[in-house]
N, C-alpha and C. Protein backbone atom coordinates (compact mmCIF):
# COMPACT_ATOMS: atom_id res chain seq x y z
N MET A 1 -33.99 20.29 -15.48
CA MET A 1 -32.63 20.23 -14.99
C MET A 1 -31.69 19.99 -16.16
N ALA A 2 -30.58 20.71 -16.18
CA ALA A 2 -29.63 20.59 -17.28
C ALA A 2 -28.84 19.29 -17.13
N GLU A 3 -28.56 18.70 -18.29
CA GLU A 3 -27.76 17.47 -18.28
C GLU A 3 -26.30 17.80 -18.03
N GLN A 4 -25.64 16.97 -17.21
CA GLN A 4 -24.21 17.16 -16.97
C GLN A 4 -23.44 16.32 -17.98
N LYS A 5 -22.41 16.93 -18.53
CA LYS A 5 -21.57 16.23 -19.49
C LYS A 5 -20.64 15.29 -18.72
N LYS A 6 -20.63 14.01 -19.10
CA LYS A 6 -19.76 13.04 -18.45
C LYS A 6 -18.37 13.13 -19.06
N THR A 7 -17.37 13.15 -18.19
CA THR A 7 -15.99 13.22 -18.65
C THR A 7 -15.19 12.10 -18.03
N LYS A 8 -14.10 11.77 -18.67
CA LYS A 8 -13.19 10.76 -18.14
C LYS A 8 -12.31 11.41 -17.08
N GLY A 9 -11.66 10.57 -16.28
CA GLY A 9 -10.67 11.08 -15.34
C GLY A 9 -11.27 11.47 -14.01
N ARG A 10 -10.76 12.55 -13.47
CA ARG A 10 -11.11 12.95 -12.11
C ARG A 10 -12.22 14.00 -12.05
N GLY A 11 -12.97 14.16 -13.09
CA GLY A 11 -14.07 15.11 -13.05
C GLY A 11 -13.65 16.54 -13.27
N ARG A 12 -12.47 16.76 -13.82
CA ARG A 12 -12.00 18.12 -14.08
C ARG A 12 -12.56 18.66 -15.39
N GLY A 13 -13.12 17.78 -16.16
CA GLY A 13 -13.60 18.21 -17.46
C GLY A 13 -12.51 18.09 -18.49
N SER A 14 -12.82 18.49 -19.68
CA SER A 14 -11.82 18.37 -20.75
C SER A 14 -10.94 19.62 -20.76
N GLY A 15 -9.81 19.52 -21.40
CA GLY A 15 -8.92 20.67 -21.51
C GLY A 15 -7.91 20.73 -20.39
N ARG A 16 -7.55 21.95 -20.02
CA ARG A 16 -6.51 22.15 -19.00
C ARG A 16 -7.02 21.72 -17.63
N PRO A 17 -6.13 21.11 -16.81
CA PRO A 17 -6.56 20.67 -15.50
C PRO A 17 -6.73 21.80 -14.48
N PHE A 18 -6.10 22.94 -14.72
CA PHE A 18 -6.19 24.07 -13.78
C PHE A 18 -6.65 25.32 -14.52
N LYS A 19 -7.21 26.24 -13.78
CA LYS A 19 -7.65 27.50 -14.37
C LYS A 19 -6.43 28.34 -14.74
N PRO A 20 -6.56 29.25 -15.68
CA PRO A 20 -5.43 30.11 -16.07
C PRO A 20 -4.87 30.83 -14.84
N GLY A 21 -3.54 30.87 -14.75
CA GLY A 21 -2.88 31.52 -13.62
C GLY A 21 -2.59 30.57 -12.47
N ASN A 22 -3.17 29.37 -12.51
CA ASN A 22 -2.93 28.38 -11.47
C ASN A 22 -2.21 27.20 -12.12
N SER A 23 -0.91 27.10 -11.90
CA SER A 23 -0.14 26.04 -12.53
C SER A 23 -0.09 24.78 -11.68
N GLY A 24 -0.84 24.73 -10.60
CA GLY A 24 -0.84 23.55 -9.75
C GLY A 24 -0.05 23.78 -8.48
N ARG A 25 0.68 22.77 -8.07
CA ARG A 25 1.47 22.85 -6.84
C ARG A 25 2.58 23.88 -7.02
N PRO A 26 2.77 24.78 -6.04
CA PRO A 26 3.83 25.78 -6.14
C PRO A 26 5.21 25.13 -6.22
N LYS A 27 6.12 25.77 -6.90
CA LYS A 27 7.47 25.25 -7.04
C LYS A 27 8.10 25.08 -5.66
N GLY A 28 8.69 23.91 -5.44
CA GLY A 28 9.33 23.62 -4.16
C GLY A 28 8.41 23.02 -3.11
N ALA A 29 7.10 23.02 -3.36
CA ALA A 29 6.16 22.45 -2.39
C ALA A 29 6.24 20.94 -2.45
N LEU A 30 6.15 20.29 -1.28
CA LEU A 30 6.20 18.83 -1.23
C LEU A 30 4.87 18.24 -1.66
N ASN A 31 4.94 17.13 -2.38
CA ASN A 31 3.69 16.47 -2.72
C ASN A 31 3.22 15.64 -1.54
N LYS A 32 2.01 15.09 -1.61
CA LYS A 32 1.43 14.37 -0.48
C LYS A 32 2.24 13.13 -0.12
N PHE A 33 2.77 12.43 -1.12
CA PHE A 33 3.53 11.22 -0.83
C PHE A 33 4.79 11.55 -0.04
N THR A 34 5.49 12.60 -0.42
CA THR A 34 6.71 13.00 0.29
C THR A 34 6.38 13.33 1.75
N SER A 35 5.29 14.03 1.98
CA SER A 35 4.87 14.37 3.34
C SER A 35 4.51 13.11 4.13
N LEU A 36 3.81 12.18 3.50
CA LEU A 36 3.43 10.94 4.15
C LEU A 36 4.66 10.11 4.48
N LYS A 37 5.61 10.05 3.55
CA LYS A 37 6.84 9.29 3.78
C LYS A 37 7.60 9.87 4.98
N GLN A 38 7.68 11.18 5.06
CA GLN A 38 8.39 11.81 6.17
C GLN A 38 7.67 11.55 7.49
N ALA A 39 6.34 11.59 7.49
CA ALA A 39 5.58 11.30 8.71
C ALA A 39 5.84 9.85 9.16
N PHE A 40 5.90 8.94 8.21
CA PHE A 40 6.17 7.54 8.53
C PHE A 40 7.56 7.38 9.14
N LEU A 41 8.55 8.05 8.56
CA LEU A 41 9.92 7.98 9.08
C LEU A 41 10.03 8.60 10.47
N ASP A 42 9.31 9.71 10.69
CA ASP A 42 9.31 10.33 12.01
C ASP A 42 8.71 9.39 13.06
N ALA A 43 7.58 8.75 12.71
CA ALA A 43 6.95 7.80 13.63
C ALA A 43 7.86 6.62 13.90
N PHE A 44 8.55 6.16 12.87
CA PHE A 44 9.49 5.05 13.02
C PHE A 44 10.57 5.40 14.04
N GLU A 45 11.15 6.57 13.93
CA GLU A 45 12.20 7.00 14.86
C GLU A 45 11.66 7.18 16.27
N ARG A 46 10.46 7.74 16.39
CA ARG A 46 9.88 7.98 17.72
C ARG A 46 9.51 6.70 18.44
N THR A 47 9.29 5.62 17.68
CA THR A 47 8.91 4.34 18.30
C THR A 47 10.07 3.37 18.43
N GLY A 48 11.29 3.89 18.36
CA GLY A 48 12.46 3.06 18.63
C GLY A 48 13.34 2.77 17.44
N GLY A 49 12.99 3.24 16.26
CA GLY A 49 13.83 3.03 15.09
C GLY A 49 14.03 1.56 14.78
N ALA A 50 15.20 1.22 14.26
CA ALA A 50 15.49 -0.16 13.87
C ALA A 50 15.46 -1.09 15.08
N GLU A 51 15.99 -0.62 16.21
CA GLU A 51 16.01 -1.45 17.41
C GLU A 51 14.58 -1.76 17.89
N GLY A 52 13.71 -0.76 17.85
CA GLY A 52 12.32 -0.97 18.23
C GLY A 52 11.61 -1.92 17.28
N LEU A 53 11.94 -1.83 15.99
CA LEU A 53 11.34 -2.72 15.00
C LEU A 53 11.76 -4.16 15.25
N VAL A 54 13.03 -4.37 15.52
CA VAL A 54 13.53 -5.72 15.80
C VAL A 54 12.84 -6.28 17.05
N THR A 55 12.70 -5.46 18.08
CA THR A 55 12.02 -5.90 19.31
C THR A 55 10.59 -6.33 19.00
N TRP A 56 9.89 -5.53 18.19
CA TRP A 56 8.50 -5.85 17.82
C TRP A 56 8.44 -7.14 17.02
N ILE A 57 9.36 -7.33 16.07
CA ILE A 57 9.37 -8.54 15.24
C ILE A 57 9.57 -9.77 16.10
N GLU A 58 10.42 -9.66 17.11
CA GLU A 58 10.75 -10.81 17.96
C GLU A 58 9.69 -11.12 19.01
N GLU A 59 8.70 -10.22 19.17
CA GLU A 59 7.66 -10.44 20.19
C GLU A 59 6.84 -11.69 19.92
N ASN A 60 6.47 -11.92 18.66
CA ASN A 60 5.71 -13.13 18.33
C ASN A 60 5.83 -13.45 16.84
N LYS A 61 5.42 -14.65 16.49
CA LYS A 61 5.56 -15.14 15.11
C LYS A 61 4.75 -14.31 14.12
N ARG A 62 3.60 -13.88 14.52
CA ARG A 62 2.73 -13.11 13.61
C ARG A 62 3.41 -11.80 13.20
N ASN A 63 4.08 -11.14 14.14
CA ASN A 63 4.78 -9.89 13.81
C ASN A 63 5.84 -10.12 12.75
N ARG A 64 6.51 -11.27 12.83
CA ARG A 64 7.54 -11.60 11.83
C ARG A 64 6.90 -11.73 10.44
N VAL A 65 5.76 -12.39 10.38
CA VAL A 65 5.05 -12.55 9.10
C VAL A 65 4.64 -11.18 8.56
N VAL A 66 4.07 -10.34 9.43
CA VAL A 66 3.64 -9.00 9.02
C VAL A 66 4.84 -8.19 8.52
N PHE A 67 5.97 -8.31 9.22
CA PHE A 67 7.18 -7.59 8.80
C PHE A 67 7.58 -8.00 7.39
N TYR A 68 7.64 -9.29 7.12
CA TYR A 68 8.03 -9.74 5.78
C TYR A 68 7.01 -9.33 4.72
N GLN A 69 5.75 -9.31 5.08
CA GLN A 69 4.74 -8.86 4.13
C GLN A 69 4.95 -7.38 3.78
N MET A 70 5.24 -6.57 4.79
CA MET A 70 5.50 -5.15 4.54
C MET A 70 6.78 -4.98 3.73
N LEU A 71 7.81 -5.75 4.07
CA LEU A 71 9.09 -5.65 3.39
C LEU A 71 8.96 -5.94 1.90
N THR A 72 8.17 -6.94 1.55
CA THR A 72 8.02 -7.27 0.13
C THR A 72 7.36 -6.15 -0.65
N ARG A 73 6.59 -5.33 0.01
CA ARG A 73 5.93 -4.21 -0.68
C ARG A 73 6.89 -3.04 -0.95
N LEU A 74 8.04 -3.06 -0.30
CA LEU A 74 9.02 -1.98 -0.49
C LEU A 74 9.88 -2.20 -1.74
N PHE A 75 9.91 -3.43 -2.24
CA PHE A 75 10.72 -3.75 -3.41
C PHE A 75 9.88 -3.70 -4.67
N PRO A 76 10.50 -3.43 -5.81
CA PRO A 76 9.75 -3.42 -7.07
C PRO A 76 9.16 -4.80 -7.35
N GLN A 77 7.98 -4.81 -7.95
CA GLN A 77 7.32 -6.07 -8.28
C GLN A 77 7.96 -6.73 -9.49
N GLU A 78 8.49 -5.93 -10.39
CA GLU A 78 9.12 -6.46 -11.59
C GLU A 78 10.47 -5.79 -11.78
N VAL A 79 11.44 -6.57 -12.17
CA VAL A 79 12.77 -6.04 -12.45
C VAL A 79 13.21 -6.60 -13.79
N GLU A 80 13.61 -5.72 -14.68
CA GLU A 80 14.11 -6.15 -15.98
C GLU A 80 15.58 -5.79 -16.09
N HIS A 81 16.32 -6.67 -16.73
CA HIS A 81 17.74 -6.41 -16.95
C HIS A 81 18.14 -7.03 -18.28
N SER A 82 18.89 -6.29 -19.03
CA SER A 82 19.47 -6.86 -20.24
C SER A 82 20.93 -6.46 -20.26
N GLY A 83 21.76 -7.36 -20.69
CA GLY A 83 23.18 -7.06 -20.72
C GLY A 83 23.94 -7.97 -19.78
N GLU A 84 25.17 -7.61 -19.53
CA GLU A 84 26.05 -8.43 -18.71
C GLU A 84 26.06 -7.96 -17.26
N ILE A 85 26.31 -8.91 -16.39
CA ILE A 85 26.57 -8.60 -15.00
C ILE A 85 28.00 -9.06 -14.74
N LYS A 86 28.88 -8.12 -14.45
CA LYS A 86 30.28 -8.46 -14.25
C LYS A 86 30.57 -8.47 -12.75
N THR A 87 30.89 -9.64 -12.25
CA THR A 87 31.23 -9.79 -10.85
C THR A 87 32.05 -11.05 -10.65
N ASN A 88 32.88 -11.04 -9.67
CA ASN A 88 33.64 -12.24 -9.33
C ASN A 88 32.88 -13.09 -8.31
N ASP A 89 31.86 -12.52 -7.71
CA ASP A 89 31.07 -13.24 -6.72
C ASP A 89 29.92 -13.96 -7.42
N PRO A 90 29.47 -15.06 -6.84
CA PRO A 90 28.32 -15.75 -7.44
C PRO A 90 27.07 -14.88 -7.31
N LEU A 91 26.25 -14.88 -8.33
CA LEU A 91 25.00 -14.14 -8.32
C LEU A 91 23.87 -15.11 -8.04
N ILE A 92 23.16 -14.87 -6.97
CA ILE A 92 22.07 -15.76 -6.59
C ILE A 92 20.78 -14.96 -6.63
N ILE A 93 19.85 -15.44 -7.42
CA ILE A 93 18.53 -14.83 -7.49
C ILE A 93 17.54 -15.89 -7.04
N ARG A 94 16.85 -15.61 -5.94
CA ARG A 94 15.91 -16.57 -5.40
C ARG A 94 14.53 -15.94 -5.38
N VAL A 95 13.58 -16.59 -6.01
CA VAL A 95 12.20 -16.12 -6.02
C VAL A 95 11.43 -17.01 -5.07
N VAL A 96 10.81 -16.40 -4.08
CA VAL A 96 10.09 -17.16 -3.07
C VAL A 96 8.65 -16.68 -3.04
N HIS A 97 7.75 -17.61 -3.08
CA HIS A 97 6.33 -17.29 -2.94
C HIS A 97 5.82 -18.04 -1.72
N VAL A 98 5.43 -17.31 -0.71
CA VAL A 98 4.96 -17.92 0.52
C VAL A 98 3.47 -17.73 0.61
N LYS A 99 2.77 -18.82 0.77
CA LYS A 99 1.32 -18.75 0.86
C LYS A 99 0.89 -19.33 2.20
N GLY A 100 0.51 -18.47 3.12
CA GLY A 100 -0.01 -18.92 4.40
C GLY A 100 1.03 -19.45 5.37
N GLY A 101 2.30 -19.22 5.10
CA GLY A 101 3.34 -19.71 5.99
C GLY A 101 4.17 -18.58 6.54
N ASP A 102 5.14 -18.92 7.33
CA ASP A 102 6.04 -17.93 7.91
C ASP A 102 7.28 -17.86 7.03
N PRO A 103 7.45 -16.76 6.27
CA PRO A 103 8.58 -16.68 5.36
C PRO A 103 9.91 -16.62 6.07
N GLY A 104 9.91 -16.38 7.37
CA GLY A 104 11.15 -16.28 8.10
C GLY A 104 11.68 -17.61 8.60
N ASN A 105 10.94 -18.71 8.37
CA ASN A 105 11.39 -19.98 8.93
C ASN A 105 12.05 -20.88 7.89
N GLY A 106 12.26 -20.39 6.69
CA GLY A 106 12.92 -21.18 5.66
C GLY A 106 11.98 -22.11 4.93
N GLY A 107 10.73 -22.13 5.33
CA GLY A 107 9.77 -23.01 4.68
C GLY A 107 9.13 -22.33 3.49
N ASN A 108 8.33 -23.08 2.78
CA ASN A 108 7.66 -22.52 1.62
C ASN A 108 6.17 -22.32 1.84
N GLY A 109 5.75 -22.40 3.09
CA GLY A 109 4.35 -22.13 3.40
C GLY A 109 3.49 -23.37 3.46
N ASP A 110 4.03 -24.53 3.06
CA ASP A 110 3.22 -25.74 3.09
C ASP A 110 3.43 -26.57 4.36
N GLY A 111 4.20 -26.01 5.30
CA GLY A 111 4.47 -26.71 6.55
C GLY A 111 5.66 -27.64 6.47
N LYS A 112 6.25 -27.78 5.28
CA LYS A 112 7.40 -28.65 5.09
C LYS A 112 8.63 -27.80 4.85
N LYS A 113 9.80 -28.30 5.19
CA LYS A 113 11.04 -27.58 4.93
C LYS A 113 11.81 -28.26 3.84
């Protein structure tokens, strides 16, 4: 049996990722993430949109926790800024780490407020 050459990456081998004449995804075609995002938005609208989401969150405490967990995944994990921030309003940056608690109750997860 012939030995297979091990390559890094996705198993495409070395060199060009596609065969000659195949440049990959056709121009204008949606990538998988865009299609998935649209499917998620469609499902969101079909299940009541923002009003349906609020109803679900208010059903029980666990749903509120799950909502906040999902919400935190929508924001960037790291934000860098250099330079000035010009505003007449106070700038408040609050970093909250909740471990095992309900982030919607103002607590920090240790059962104390």
